[in-house]
Every structure is written in structure tokens, then in C-alpha cells.
Amino acid sequence: MGNATDLPITEHATDTHGVTLVNFALFDLVGLQLSPRMRDLGKITMGRFGSRAATERSWPLAGRLLTRRFDLDLIAEQFDDLLRLAGSIKFGQATASLIVGKLSASSRQNAMAAALKESA
């Protein structure tokens, strides 16, 4: 977002330092793909929708990495605000760097930041 180019950017590659829950969620919300190179993948906490057993059956190799269950209720409560946030970024009302900085620094007490991090 905000790059001065005529090329249609649909995917962004980054190394480990660019991997945050906020980045993953925002990329998804604005319809882009974040493709990070992640060091120590086995040490990263990733989320799942269903039970641990069902996830491991569905994805025998990756399922054991999906250790945290998403809080879908929190995401649903904040979904309208998350869409407004994504629209603000996509249509240039707010810069992505400002939003990422503010939300990454937010505590879990900020419901929208918590829902965004939860949806990643």
C-alpha cells in the first residue's frame, strides 16, 4: 500500500523480522498475501479453528504447529471495525506503517488490536 508503482502488487515477501500477527491479518484483510521466510518455524505459535485432534488429522505434518485456538467470538465482535481499518489503509485514509506501528504496540486491552492479532 502506498508504493509509487504502476505494478499490481499482490504479494509481499519479507524475512523473519517482518513477521507479526498484525502484518498477517492486515495483508489478508486488504486482499494481499504476506509471504515471509520464517526462521525457527517450529518455535512459532500458530492458530487453528477446530480441535487439536481434528487439525492434526487434516494436516498431519503442519497440524502439530497449530497450537493456539482462535477466539472467533472476539473476531466477530470487532469485525466491522476491522473492515473499516482495512478500508482506511486500502483507500489511503491512513498509512499502513502508522496503523501497523500503533496496533503492534497496543496492549491486549485494545479489543480491535486483540481481534486483529487473533485473526492472523
PDB file of N, CA and C in Angstrom:
ATOM      1  N   MET A   1       0.835  -1.171   0.000  1.00  0.00           N
ATOM      2  CA  MET A   1       0.000   0.000   0.000  1.00  0.00           C
ATOM      3  C   MET A   1       0.887   1.244   0.000  1.00  0.00           C
ATOM      4  N   GLY A   2       0.517   2.176  -0.812  1.00  0.00           N
ATOM      5  CA  GLY A   2       1.240   3.435  -0.834  1.00  0.00           C
ATOM      6  C   GLY A   2       2.535   3.411  -1.616  1.00  0.00           C
ATOM      7  N   ASN A   3       2.842   2.325  -2.315  1.00  0.00           N
ATOM      8  CA  ASN A   3       4.053   2.289  -3.128  1.00  0.00           C
ATOM      9  C   ASN A   3       3.815   3.061  -4.418  1.00  0.00           C
ATOM     10  N   ALA A   4       4.792   3.820  -4.831  1.00  0.00           N
ATOM     11  CA  ALA A   4       4.670   4.609  -6.058  1.00  0.00           C
ATOM     12  C   ALA A   4       5.086   3.745  -7.247  1.00  0.00           C
ATOM     13  N   THR A   5       4.199   2.865  -7.675  1.00  0.00           N
ATOM     14  CA  THR A   5       4.484   1.990  -8.800  1.00  0.00           C
ATOM     15  C   THR A   5       3.195   1.721  -9.560  1.00  0.00           C
ATOM     16  N   ASP A   6       3.356   1.418 -10.831  1.00  0.00           N
ATOM     17  CA  ASP A   6       2.198   1.044 -11.642  1.00  0.00           C
ATOM     18  C   ASP A   6       1.991  -0.465 -11.646  1.00  0.00           C
ATOM     19  N   LEU A   7       2.893  -1.192 -11.016  1.00  0.00           N
ATOM     20  CA  LEU A   7       2.795  -2.648 -10.974  1.00  0.00           C
ATOM     21  C   LEU A   7       1.718  -3.075  -9.973  1.00  0.00           C
ATOM     22  N   PRO A   8       0.922  -4.062 -10.321  1.00  0.00           N
ATOM     23  CA  PRO A   8      -0.085  -4.550  -9.368  1.00  0.00           C
ATOM     24  C   PRO A   8       0.547  -5.490  -8.337  1.00  0.00           C
ATOM     25  N   ILE A   9       0.832  -4.975  -7.180  1.00  0.00           N
ATOM     26  CA  ILE A   9       1.473  -5.754  -6.119  1.00  0.00           C
ATOM     27  C   ILE A   9       0.395  -6.590  -5.420  1.00  0.00           C
ATOM     28  N   THR A  10       0.558  -7.912  -5.425  1.00  0.00           N
ATOM     29  CA  THR A  10      -0.414  -8.781  -4.756  1.00  0.00           C
ATOM     30  C   THR A  10       0.232  -9.624  -3.663  1.00  0.00           C
ATOM     31  N   GLU A  11       1.555  -9.646  -3.648  1.00  0.00           N
ATOM     32  CA  GLU A  11       2.265 -10.477  -2.673  1.00  0.00           C
ATOM     33  C   GLU A  11       3.497  -9.729  -2.192  1.00  0.00           C
ATOM     34  N   HIS A  12       3.771  -9.832  -0.897  1.00  0.00           N
ATOM     35  CA  HIS A  12       4.933  -9.178  -0.314  1.00  0.00           C
ATOM     36  C   HIS A  12       5.780 -10.223   0.400  1.00  0.00           C
ATOM     37  N   ALA A  13       7.054 -10.273   0.061  1.00  0.00           N
ATOM     38  CA  ALA A  13       7.978 -11.202   0.717  1.00  0.00           C
ATOM     39  C   ALA A  13       8.789 -10.424   1.747  1.00  0.00           C
ATOM     40  N   THR A  14       9.046 -11.055   2.871  1.00  0.00           N
ATOM     41  CA  THR A  14       9.826 -10.427   3.931  1.00  0.00           C
ATOM     42  C   THR A  14      10.612 -11.510   4.664  1.00  0.00           C
ATOM     43  N   ASP A  15      11.556 -11.094   5.481  1.00  0.00           N
ATOM     44  CA  ASP A  15      12.259 -12.081   6.297  1.00  0.00           C
ATOM     45  C   ASP A  15      11.619 -12.114   7.679  1.00  0.00           C
ATOM     46  N   THR A  16      12.219 -12.806   8.595  1.00  0.00           N
ATOM     47  CA  THR A  16      11.618 -13.080   9.899  1.00  0.00           C
ATOM     48  C   THR A  16      11.213 -11.813  10.647  1.00  0.00           C
ATOM     49  N   HIS A  17      12.000 -10.735  10.553  1.00  0.00           N
ATOM     50  CA  HIS A  17      11.667  -9.533  11.343  1.00  0.00           C
ATOM     51  C   HIS A  17      10.371  -8.874  10.874  1.00  0.00           C
ATOM     52  N   GLY A  18       9.894  -9.156   9.664  1.00  0.00           N
ATOM     53  CA  GLY A  18       8.648  -8.584   9.169  1.00  0.00           C
ATOM     54  C   GLY A  18       7.424  -9.409   9.505  1.00  0.00           C
ATOM     55  N   VAL A  19       7.626 -10.495  10.230  1.00  0.00           N
ATOM     56  CA  VAL A  19       6.521 -11.395  10.555  1.00  0.00           C
ATOM     57  C   VAL A  19       5.919 -10.988  11.892  1.00  0.00           C
ATOM     58  N   THR A  20       4.713 -10.411  11.838  1.00  0.00           N
ATOM     59  CA  THR A  20       3.957 -10.109  13.055  1.00  0.00           C
ATOM     60  C   THR A  20       2.518 -10.530  12.810  1.00  0.00           C
ATOM     61  N   LEU A  21       1.795 -10.771  13.870  1.00  0.00           N
ATOM     62  CA  LEU A  21       0.383 -11.130  13.726  1.00  0.00           C
ATOM     63  C   LEU A  21      -0.395 -10.000  13.067  1.00  0.00           C
ATOM     64  N   VAL A  22      -0.055  -8.759  13.410  1.00  0.00           N
ATOM     65  CA  VAL A  22      -0.725  -7.605  12.809  1.00  0.00           C
ATOM     66  C   VAL A  22      -0.508  -7.595  11.300  1.00  0.00           C
ATOM     67  N   ASN A  23       0.729  -7.815  10.858  1.00  0.00           N
ATOM     68  CA  ASN A  23       1.013  -7.823   9.419  1.00  0.00           C
ATOM     69  C   ASN A  23       0.226  -8.912   8.699  1.00  0.00           C
ATOM     70  N   PHE A  24       0.215 -10.116   9.242  1.00  0.00           N
ATOM     71  CA  PHE A  24      -0.526 -11.209   8.605  1.00  0.00           C
ATOM     72  C   PHE A  24      -2.005 -10.847   8.457  1.00  0.00           C
ATOM     73  N   ALA A  25      -2.604 -10.350   9.513  1.00  0.00           N
ATOM     74  CA  ALA A  25      -4.032 -10.037   9.491  1.00  0.00           C
ATOM     75  C   ALA A  25      -4.342  -8.898   8.529  1.00  0.00           C
ATOM     76  N   LEU A  26      -3.550  -7.832   8.561  1.00  0.00           N
ATOM     77  CA  LEU A  26      -3.821  -6.698   7.677  1.00  0.00           C
ATOM     78  C   LEU A  26      -3.651  -7.063   6.210  1.00  0.00           C
ATOM     79  N   PHE A  27      -2.634  -7.828   5.887  1.00  0.00           N
ATOM     80  CA  PHE A  27      -2.457  -8.258   4.495  1.00  0.00           C
ATOM     81  C   PHE A  27      -3.684  -9.027   4.028  1.00  0.00           C
ATOM     82  N   ASP A  28      -4.166  -9.919   4.860  1.00  0.00           N
ATOM     83  CA  ASP A  28      -5.339 -10.705   4.490  1.00  0.00           C
ATOM     84  C   ASP A  28      -6.565  -9.809   4.324  1.00  0.00           C
ATOM     85  N   LEU A  29      -6.760  -8.876   5.226  1.00  0.00           N
ATOM     86  CA  LEU A  29      -7.931  -8.001   5.170  1.00  0.00           C
ATOM     87  C   LEU A  29      -7.950  -7.102   3.941  1.00  0.00           C
ATOM     88  N   VAL A  30      -6.781  -6.688   3.452  1.00  0.00           N
ATOM     89  CA  VAL A  30      -6.751  -5.821   2.269  1.00  0.00           C
ATOM     90  C   VAL A  30      -6.590  -6.616   0.974  1.00  0.00           C
ATOM     91  N   GLY A  31      -6.603  -7.940   1.079  1.00  0.00           N
ATOM     92  CA  GLY A  31      -6.580  -8.777  -0.115  1.00  0.00           C
ATOM     93  C   GLY A  31      -5.209  -9.020  -0.706  1.00  0.00           C
ATOM     94  N   LEU A  32      -4.187  -8.894   0.100  1.00  0.00           N
ATOM     95  CA  LEU A  32      -2.819  -9.164  -0.356  1.00  0.00           C
ATOM     96  C   LEU A  32      -2.263 -10.371   0.388  1.00  0.00           C
ATOM     97  N   GLN A  33      -1.136 -10.870  -0.089  1.00  0.00           N
ATOM     98  CA  GLN A  33      -0.528 -12.042   0.529  1.00  0.00           C
ATOM     99  C   GLN A  33       0.833 -11.682   1.114  1.00  0.00           C
ATOM    100  N   LEU A  34       1.051 -12.040   2.364  1.00  0.00           N
ATOM    101  CA  LEU A  34       2.351 -11.891   3.016  1.00  0.00           C
ATOM    102  C   LEU A  34       3.053 -13.237   2.939  1.00  0.00           C
ATOM    103  N   SER A  35       4.229 -13.247   2.339  1.00  0.00           N
ATOM    104  CA  SER A  35       4.988 -14.493   2.164  1.00  0.00           C
ATOM    105  C   SER A  35       6.340 -14.363   2.853  1.00  0.00           C
ATOM    106  N   PRO A  36       6.379 -14.626   4.145  1.00  0.00           N
ATOM    107  CA  PRO A  36       7.634 -14.459   4.882  1.00  0.00           C
ATOM    108  C   PRO A  36       8.518 -15.698   4.828  1.00  0.00           C
ATOM    109  N   ARG A  37       9.801 -15.443   4.973  1.00  0.00           N
ATOM    110  CA  ARG A  37      10.748 -16.525   5.238  1.00  0.00           C
ATOM    111  C   ARG A  37      10.871 -16.540   6.758  1.00  0.00           C
ATOM    112  N   MET A  38      10.459 -17.640   7.367  1.00  0.00           N
ATOM    113  CA  MET A  38      10.380 -17.674   8.822  1.00  0.00           C
ATOM    114  C   MET A  38      11.441 -18.594   9.409  1.00  0.00           C
ATOM    115  N   ARG A  39      12.317 -18.006  10.197  1.00  0.00           N
ATOM    116  CA  ARG A  39      13.344 -18.764  10.901  1.00  0.00           C
ATOM    117  C   ARG A  39      12.706 -19.451  12.107  1.00  0.00           C
ATOM    118  N   ASP A  40      13.167 -20.626  12.438  1.00  0.00           N
ATOM    119  CA  ASP A  40      12.693 -21.374  13.612  1.00  0.00           C
ATOM    120  C   ASP A  40      11.182 -21.570  13.595  1.00  0.00           C
ATOM    121  N   LEU A  41      10.649 -22.044  12.484  1.00  0.00           N
ATOM    122  CA  LEU A  41       9.208 -22.197  12.311  1.00  0.00           C
ATOM    123  C   LEU A  41       8.585 -23.050  13.418  1.00  0.00           C
ATOM    124  N   GLY A  42       9.282 -24.065  13.879  1.00  0.00           N
ATOM    125  CA  GLY A  42       8.762 -24.937  14.914  1.00  0.00           C
ATOM    126  C   GLY A  42       8.561 -24.244  16.259  1.00  0.00           C
ATOM    127  N   LYS A  43       9.150 -23.074  16.447  1.00  0.00           N
ATOM    128  CA  LYS A  43       9.027 -22.338  17.709  1.00  0.00           C
ATOM    129  C   LYS A  43       7.939 -21.265  17.665  1.00  0.00           C
ATOM    130  N   ILE A  44       7.307 -21.093  16.511  1.00  0.00           N
ATOM    131  CA  ILE A  44       6.300 -20.053  16.345  1.00  0.00           C
ATOM    132  C   ILE A  44       4.919 -20.612  16.686  1.00  0.00           C
ATOM    133  N   THR A  45       4.147 -19.839  17.449  1.00  0.00           N
ATOM    134  CA  THR A  45       2.790 -20.239  17.801  1.00  0.00           C
ATOM    135  C   THR A  45       1.844 -19.848  16.680  1.00  0.00           C
ATOM    136  N   MET A  46       1.136 -20.828  16.136  1.00  0.00           N
ATOM    137  CA  MET A  46       0.180 -20.564  15.065  1.00  0.00           C
ATOM    138  C   MET A  46      -1.197 -21.055  15.493  1.00  0.00           C
ATOM    139  N   GLY A  47      -2.222 -20.470  14.873  1.00  0.00           N
ATOM    140  CA  GLY A  47      -3.584 -20.758  15.295  1.00  0.00           C
ATOM    141  C   GLY A  47      -4.310 -21.770  14.427  1.00  0.00           C
ATOM    142  N   ARG A  48      -5.403 -22.287  15.001  1.00  0.00           N
ATOM    143  CA  ARG A  48      -6.259 -23.253  14.315  1.00  0.00           C
ATOM    144  C   ARG A  48      -7.702 -22.946  14.667  1.00  0.00           C
ATOM    145  N   PHE A  49      -8.627 -23.438  13.846  1.00  0.00           N
ATOM    146  CA  PHE A  49     -10.047 -23.205  14.081  1.00  0.00           C
ATOM    147  C   PHE A  49     -10.691 -24.325  14.883  1.00  0.00           C
ATOM    148  N   GLY A  50     -10.382 -25.552  14.561  1.00  0.00           N
ATOM    149  CA  GLY A  50     -11.037 -26.690  15.197  1.00  0.00           C
ATOM    150  C   GLY A  50     -10.235 -27.254  16.350  1.00  0.00           C
ATOM    151  N   SER A  51     -10.594 -28.469  16.722  1.00  0.00           N
ATOM    152  CA  SER A  51      -9.883 -29.134  17.815  1.00  0.00           C
ATOM    153  C   SER A  51      -8.476 -29.517  17.364  1.00  0.00           C
ATOM    154  N   ARG A  52      -7.619 -29.730  18.326  1.00  0.00           N
ATOM    155  CA  ARG A  52      -6.242 -30.101  18.013  1.00  0.00           C
ATOM    156  C   ARG A  52      -6.202 -31.434  17.266  1.00  0.00           C
ATOM    157  N   ALA A  53      -6.999 -32.406  17.713  1.00  0.00           N
ATOM    158  CA  ALA A  53      -7.010 -33.728  17.078  1.00  0.00           C
ATOM    159  C   ALA A  53      -7.478 -33.640  15.625  1.00  0.00           C
ATOM    160  N   ALA A  54      -8.547 -32.877  15.382  1.00  0.00           N
ATOM    161  CA  ALA A  54      -9.067 -32.737  14.010  1.00  0.00           C
ATOM    162  C   ALA A  54      -8.052 -32.034  13.115  1.00  0.00           C
ATOM    163  N   THR A  55      -7.390 -31.029  13.650  1.00  0.00           N
ATOM    164  CA  THR A  55      -6.387 -30.300  12.881  1.00  0.00           C
ATOM    165  C   THR A  55      -5.226 -31.211  12.512  1.00  0.00           C
ATOM    166  N   GLU A  56      -4.766 -32.012  13.459  1.00  0.00           N
ATOM    167  CA  GLU A  56      -3.646 -32.915  13.189  1.00  0.00           C
ATOM    168  C   GLU A  56      -4.032 -34.013  12.200  1.00  0.00           C
ATOM    169  N   ARG A  57      -5.306 -34.445  12.220  1.00  0.00           N
ATOM    170  CA  ARG A  57      -5.776 -35.419  11.219  1.00  0.00           C
ATOM    171  C   ARG A  57      -5.815 -34.786   9.830  1.00  0.00           C
ATOM    172  N   SER A  58      -6.309 -33.556   9.754  1.00  0.00           N
ATOM    173  CA  SER A  58      -6.431 -32.880   8.461  1.00  0.00           C
ATOM    174  C   SER A  58      -5.078 -32.516   7.863  1.00  0.00           C
ATOM    175  N   TRP A  59      -4.158 -32.088   8.699  1.00  0.00           N
ATOM    176  CA  TRP A  59      -2.824 -31.690   8.251  1.00  0.00           C
ATOM    177  C   TRP A  59      -1.780 -32.416   9.099  1.00  0.00           C
ATOM    178  N   PRO A  60      -1.462 -33.663   8.742  1.00  0.00           N
ATOM    179  CA  PRO A  60      -0.566 -34.467   9.578  1.00  0.00           C
ATOM    180  C   PRO A  60       0.814 -33.852   9.809  1.00  0.00           C
ATOM    181  N   LEU A  61       1.340 -33.129   8.837  1.00  0.00           N
ATOM    182  CA  LEU A  61       2.676 -32.556   9.010  1.00  0.00           C
ATOM    183  C   LEU A  61       2.646 -31.189   9.690  1.00  0.00           C
ATOM    184  N   ALA A  62       1.689 -30.351   9.345  1.00  0.00           N
ATOM    185  CA  ALA A  62       1.632 -28.992   9.888  1.00  0.00           C
ATOM    186  C   ALA A  62       0.753 -28.888  11.127  1.00  0.00           C
ATOM    187  N   GLY A  63      -0.155 -29.823  11.334  1.00  0.00           N
ATOM    188  CA  GLY A  63      -1.119 -29.735  12.421  1.00  0.00           C
ATOM    189  C   GLY A  63      -0.515 -29.557  13.791  1.00  0.00           C
ATOM    190  N   ARG A  64       0.614 -30.169  14.044  1.00  0.00           N
ATOM    191  CA  ARG A  64       1.221 -30.049  15.378  1.00  0.00           C
ATOM    192  C   ARG A  64       1.780 -28.650  15.639  1.00  0.00           C
ATOM    193  N   LEU A  65       1.984 -27.848  14.572  1.00  0.00           N
ATOM    194  CA  LEU A  65       2.448 -26.472  14.742  1.00  0.00           C
ATOM    195  C   LEU A  65       1.308 -25.521  15.096  1.00  0.00           C
ATOM    196  N   LEU A  66       0.072 -25.945  14.841  1.00  0.00           N
ATOM    197  CA  LEU A  66      -1.101 -25.088  15.065  1.00  0.00           C
ATOM    198  C   LEU A  66      -1.594 -25.304  16.490  1.00  0.00           C
ATOM    199  N   THR A  67      -0.935 -24.654  17.431  1.00  0.00           N
ATOM    200  CA  THR A  67      -1.149 -24.957  18.846  1.00  0.00           C
ATOM    201  C   THR A  67      -2.201 -24.099  19.530  1.00  0.00           C
ATOM    202  N   ARG A  68      -2.498 -22.932  18.978  1.00  0.00           N
ATOM    203  CA  ARG A  68      -3.409 -21.993  19.635  1.00  0.00           C
ATOM    204  C   ARG A  68      -4.748 -21.987  18.905  1.00  0.00           C
ATOM    205  N   ARG A  69      -5.829 -22.030  19.651  1.00  0.00           N
ATOM    206  CA  ARG A  69      -7.172 -21.990  19.038  1.00  0.00           C
ATOM    207  C   ARG A  69      -7.640 -20.538  18.944  1.00  0.00           C
ATOM    208  N   PHE A  70      -8.113 -20.140  17.762  1.00  0.00           N
ATOM    209  CA  PHE A  70      -8.598 -18.781  17.542  1.00  0.00           C
ATOM    210  C   PHE A  70      -9.816 -18.470  18.399  1.00  0.00           C
ATOM    211  N   ASP A  71      -9.918 -17.238  18.866  1.00  0.00           N
ATOM    212  CA  ASP A  71     -11.092 -16.755  19.588  1.00  0.00           C
ATOM    213  C   ASP A  71     -12.029 -16.123  18.556  1.00  0.00           C
ATOM    214  N   LEU A  72     -12.882 -16.936  17.956  1.00  0.00           N
ATOM    215  CA  LEU A  72     -13.758 -16.470  16.892  1.00  0.00           C
ATOM    216  C   LEU A  72     -14.786 -15.460  17.388  1.00  0.00           C
ATOM    217  N   ASP A  73     -15.187 -15.538  18.653  1.00  0.00           N
ATOM    218  CA  ASP A  73     -16.137 -14.574  19.204  1.00  0.00           C
ATOM    219  C   ASP A  73     -15.542 -13.162  19.231  1.00  0.00           C
ATOM    220  N   LEU A  74     -14.286 -13.048  19.626  1.00  0.00           N
ATOM    221  CA  LEU A  74     -13.619 -11.747  19.656  1.00  0.00           C
ATOM    222  C   LEU A  74     -13.505 -11.179  18.247  1.00  0.00           C
ATOM    223  N   ILE A  75     -13.146 -12.019  17.293  1.00  0.00           N
ATOM    224  CA  ILE A  75     -13.033 -11.565  15.902  1.00  0.00           C
ATOM    225  C   ILE A  75     -14.392 -11.080  15.396  1.00  0.00           C
ATOM    226  N   ALA A  76     -15.441 -11.827  15.675  1.00  0.00           N
ATOM    227  CA  ALA A  76     -16.788 -11.455  15.220  1.00  0.00           C
ATOM    228  C   ALA A  76     -17.239 -10.130  15.842  1.00  0.00           C
ATOM    229  N   GLU A  77     -16.927  -9.925  17.111  1.00  0.00           N
ATOM    230  CA  GLU A  77     -17.315  -8.683  17.792  1.00  0.00           C
ATOM    231  C   GLU A  77     -16.669  -7.461  17.155  1.00  0.00           C
ATOM    232  N   GLN A  78     -15.464  -7.604  16.681  1.00  0.00           N
ATOM    233  CA  GLN A  78     -14.692  -6.476  16.153  1.00  0.00           C
ATOM    234  C   GLN A  78     -14.649  -6.429  14.624  1.00  0.00           C
ATOM    235  N   PHE A  79     -15.384  -7.324  13.960  1.00  0.00           N
ATOM    236  CA  PHE A  79     -15.235  -7.481  12.520  1.00  0.00           C
ATOM    237  C   PHE A  79     -15.549  -6.202  11.738  1.00  0.00           C
ATOM    238  N   ASP A  80     -16.601  -5.492  12.092  1.00  0.00           N
ATOM    239  CA  ASP A  80     -16.937  -4.249  11.388  1.00  0.00           C
ATOM    240  C   ASP A  80     -15.799  -3.230  11.492  1.00  0.00           C
ATOM    241  N   ASP A  81     -15.223  -3.090  12.675  1.00  0.00           N
ATOM    242  CA  ASP A  81     -14.110  -2.157  12.857  1.00  0.00           C
ATOM    243  C   ASP A  81     -12.873  -2.613  12.090  1.00  0.00           C
ATOM    244  N   LEU A  82     -12.642  -3.925  12.039  1.00  0.00           N
ATOM    245  CA  LEU A  82     -11.504  -4.441  11.273  1.00  0.00           C
ATOM    246  C   LEU A  82     -11.669  -4.133   9.786  1.00  0.00           C
ATOM    247  N   LEU A  83     -12.874  -4.268   9.270  1.00  0.00           N
ATOM    248  CA  LEU A  83     -13.119  -3.941   7.862  1.00  0.00           C
ATOM    249  C   LEU A  83     -12.932  -2.447   7.604  1.00  0.00           C
ATOM    250  N   ARG A  84     -13.381  -1.598   8.526  1.00  0.00           N
ATOM    251  CA  ARG A  84     -13.170  -0.152   8.378  1.00  0.00           C
ATOM    252  C   ARG A  84     -11.680   0.179   8.391  1.00  0.00           C
ATOM    253  N   LEU A  85     -10.936  -0.476   9.260  1.00  0.00           N
ATOM    254  CA  LEU A  85      -9.494  -0.278   9.322  1.00  0.00           C
ATOM    255  C   LEU A  85      -8.839  -0.668   8.005  1.00  0.00           C
ATOM    256  N   ALA A  86      -9.220  -1.823   7.477  1.00  0.00           N
ATOM    257  CA  ALA A  86      -8.656  -2.285   6.199  1.00  0.00           C
ATOM    258  C   ALA A  86      -9.013  -1.315   5.079  1.00  0.00           C
ATOM    259  N   GLY A  87     -10.249  -0.819   5.059  1.00  0.00           N
ATOM    260  CA  GLY A  87     -10.651   0.151   4.046  1.00  0.00           C
ATOM    261  C   GLY A  87      -9.856   1.438   4.144  1.00  0.00           C
ATOM    262  N   SER A  88      -9.591   1.883   5.355  1.00  0.00           N
ATOM    263  CA  SER A  88      -8.800   3.106   5.556  1.00  0.00           C
ATOM    264  C   SER A  88      -7.402   2.955   4.983  1.00  0.00           C
ATOM    265  N   ILE A  89      -6.830   1.786   5.155  1.00  0.00           N
ATOM    266  CA  ILE A  89      -5.491   1.531   4.611  1.00  0.00           C
ATOM    267  C   ILE A  89      -5.561   1.411   3.092  1.00  0.00           C
ATOM    268  N   LYS A  90      -6.482   0.597   2.614  1.00  0.00           N
ATOM    269  CA  LYS A  90      -6.575   0.314   1.177  1.00  0.00           C
ATOM    270  C   LYS A  90      -6.850   1.565   0.356  1.00  0.00           C
ATOM    271  N   PHE A  91      -7.678   2.469   0.882  1.00  0.00           N
ATOM    272  CA  PHE A  91      -8.048   3.658   0.122  1.00  0.00           C
ATOM    273  C   PHE A  91      -7.273   4.909   0.527  1.00  0.00           C
ATOM    274  N   GLY A  92      -6.171   4.716   1.283  1.00  0.00           N
ATOM    275  CA  GLY A  92      -5.244   5.799   1.554  1.00  0.00           C
ATOM    276  C   GLY A  92      -5.642   6.786   2.630  1.00  0.00           C
ATOM    277  N   GLN A  93      -6.633   6.481   3.445  1.00  0.00           N
ATOM    278  CA  GLN A  93      -7.032   7.381   4.530  1.00  0.00           C
ATOM    279  C   GLN A  93      -6.054   7.318   5.701  1.00  0.00           C
ATOM    280  N   ALA A  94      -5.331   6.207   5.806  1.00  0.00           N
ATOM    281  CA  ALA A  94      -4.306   6.045   6.842  1.00  0.00           C
ATOM    282  C   ALA A  94      -3.177   5.231   6.233  1.00  0.00           C
ATOM    283  N   THR A  95      -1.955   5.531   6.628  1.00  0.00           N
ATOM    284  CA  THR A  95      -0.834   4.770   6.092  1.00  0.00           C
ATOM    285  C   THR A  95      -0.711   3.435   6.825  1.00  0.00           C
ATOM    286  N   ALA A  96      -0.322   2.430   6.083  1.00  0.00           N
ATOM    287  CA  ALA A  96      -0.154   1.098   6.667  1.00  0.00           C
ATOM    288  C   ALA A  96       0.905   1.124   7.763  1.00  0.00           C
ATOM    289  N   SER A  97       1.983   1.874   7.553  1.00  0.00           N
ATOM    290  CA  SER A  97       3.060   1.899   8.551  1.00  0.00           C
ATOM    291  C   SER A  97       2.578   2.490   9.877  1.00  0.00           C
ATOM    292  N   LEU A  98       1.750   3.523   9.826  1.00  0.00           N
ATOM    293  CA  LEU A  98       1.217   4.110  11.050  1.00  0.00           C
ATOM    294  C   LEU A  98       0.312   3.120  11.777  1.00  0.00           C
ATOM    295  N   ILE A  99      -0.592   2.486  11.048  1.00  0.00           N
ATOM    296  CA  ILE A  99      -1.527   1.530  11.647  1.00  0.00           C
ATOM    297  C   ILE A  99      -0.774   0.346  12.241  1.00  0.00           C
ATOM    298  N   VAL A 100       0.175  -0.212  11.487  1.00  0.00           N
ATOM    299  CA  VAL A 100       0.939  -1.360  11.979  1.00  0.00           C
ATOM    300  C   VAL A 100       1.696  -0.988  13.246  1.00  0.00           C
ATOM    301  N   GLY A 101       2.312   0.173  13.257  1.00  0.00           N
ATOM    302  CA  GLY A 101       3.056   0.608  14.440  1.00  0.00           C
ATOM    303  C   GLY A 101       2.163   0.753  15.659  1.00  0.00           C
ATOM    304  N   LYS A 102       1.018   1.408  15.485  1.00  0.00           N
ATOM    305  CA  LYS A 102       0.100   1.615  16.606  1.00  0.00           C
ATOM    306  C   LYS A 102      -0.469   0.295  17.117  1.00  0.00           C
ATOM    307  N   LEU A 103      -0.914  -0.561  16.203  1.00  0.00           N
ATOM    308  CA  LEU A 103      -1.542  -1.813  16.624  1.00  0.00           C
ATOM    309  C   LEU A 103      -0.536  -2.818  17.185  1.00  0.00           C
ATOM    310  N   SER A 104       0.672  -2.819  16.657  1.00  0.00           N
ATOM    311  CA  SER A 104       1.691  -3.732  17.180  1.00  0.00           C
ATOM    312  C   SER A 104       2.082  -3.367  18.602  1.00  0.00           C
ATOM    313  N   ALA A 105       2.005  -2.070  18.925  1.00  0.00           N
ATOM    314  CA  ALA A 105       2.361  -1.605  20.268  1.00  0.00           C
ATOM    315  C   ALA A 105       1.191  -1.684  21.247  1.00  0.00           C
ATOM    316  N   SER A 106      -0.012  -1.948  20.743  1.00  0.00           N
ATOM    317  CA  SER A 106      -1.199  -1.971  21.609  1.00  0.00           C
ATOM    318  C   SER A 106      -1.166  -3.152  22.567  1.00  0.00           C
ATOM    319  N   SER A 107      -1.761  -2.920  23.715  1.00  0.00           N
ATOM    320  CA  SER A 107      -1.883  -3.996  24.688  1.00  0.00           C
ATOM    321  C   SER A 107      -3.074  -4.875  24.337  1.00  0.00           C
ATOM    322  N   ARG A 108      -3.213  -5.989  25.007  1.00  0.00           N
ATOM    323  CA  ARG A 108      -4.361  -6.872  24.790  1.00  0.00           C
ATOM    324  C   ARG A 108      -5.665  -6.211  25.240  1.00  0.00           C
ATOM    325  N   GLN A 109      -5.575  -5.089  25.949  1.00  0.00           N
ATOM    326  CA  GLN A 109      -6.780  -4.398  26.392  1.00  0.00           C
ATOM    327  C   GLN A 109      -7.481  -3.691  25.241  1.00  0.00           C
ATOM    328  N   ASN A 110      -6.786  -3.395  24.166  1.00  0.00           N
ATOM    329  CA  ASN A 110      -7.383  -2.787  22.993  1.00  0.00           C
ATOM    330  C   ASN A 110      -8.068  -3.899  22.201  1.00  0.00           C
ATOM    331  N   ALA A 111      -9.408  -3.906  22.225  1.00  0.00           N
ATOM    332  CA  ALA A 111     -10.168  -5.004  21.651  1.00  0.00           C
ATOM    333  C   ALA A 111      -9.926  -5.161  20.156  1.00  0.00           C
ATOM    334  N   MET A 112      -9.809  -4.056  19.419  1.00  0.00           N
ATOM    335  CA  MET A 112      -9.593  -4.168  17.980  1.00  0.00           C
ATOM    336  C   MET A 112      -8.209  -4.729  17.692  1.00  0.00           C
ATOM    337  N   ALA A 113      -7.193  -4.277  18.403  1.00  0.00           N
ATOM    338  CA  ALA A 113      -5.850  -4.813  18.203  1.00  0.00           C
ATOM    339  C   ALA A 113      -5.804  -6.295  18.572  1.00  0.00           C
ATOM    340  N   ALA A 114      -6.475  -6.653  19.658  1.00  0.00           N
ATOM    341  CA  ALA A 114      -6.513  -8.057  20.081  1.00  0.00           C
ATOM    342  C   ALA A 114      -7.214  -8.917  19.033  1.00  0.00           C
ATOM    343  N   ALA A 115      -8.313  -8.418  18.463  1.00  0.00           N
ATOM    344  CA  ALA A 115      -9.037  -9.177  17.443  1.00  0.00           C
ATOM    345  C   ALA A 115      -8.213  -9.308  16.171  1.00  0.00           C
ATOM    346  N   LEU A 116      -7.497  -8.256  15.824  1.00  0.00           N
ATOM    347  CA  LEU A 116      -6.648  -8.312  14.642  1.00  0.00           C
ATOM    348  C   LEU A 116      -5.549  -9.340  14.824  1.00  0.00           C
ATOM    349  N   LYS A 117      -4.914  -9.329  15.972  1.00  0.00           N
ATOM    350  CA  LYS A 117      -3.857 -10.296  16.256  1.00  0.00           C
ATOM    351  C   LYS A 117      -4.443 -11.715  16.330  1.00  0.00           C
ATOM    352  N   GLU A 118      -5.644 -11.821  16.809  1.00  0.00           N
ATOM    353  CA  GLU A 118      -6.311 -13.122  16.917  1.00  0.00           C
ATOM    354  C   GLU A 118      -6.656 -13.688  15.544  1.00  0.00           C
ATOM    355  N   SER A 119      -6.944 -12.814  14.593  1.00  0.00           N
ATOM    356  CA  SER A 119      -7.383 -13.273  13.273  1.00  0.00           C
ATOM    357  C   SER A 119      -6.217 -13.646  12.363  1.00  0.00           C
ATOM    358  N   ALA A 120      -4.999 -13.427  12.817  1.00  0.00           N
ATOM    359  CA  ALA A 120      -3.839 -13.707  11.971  1.00  0.00           C
ATOM    360  C   ALA A 120      -3.571 -15.194  11.842  1.00  0.00           C
TER     361      ALA A 120
END
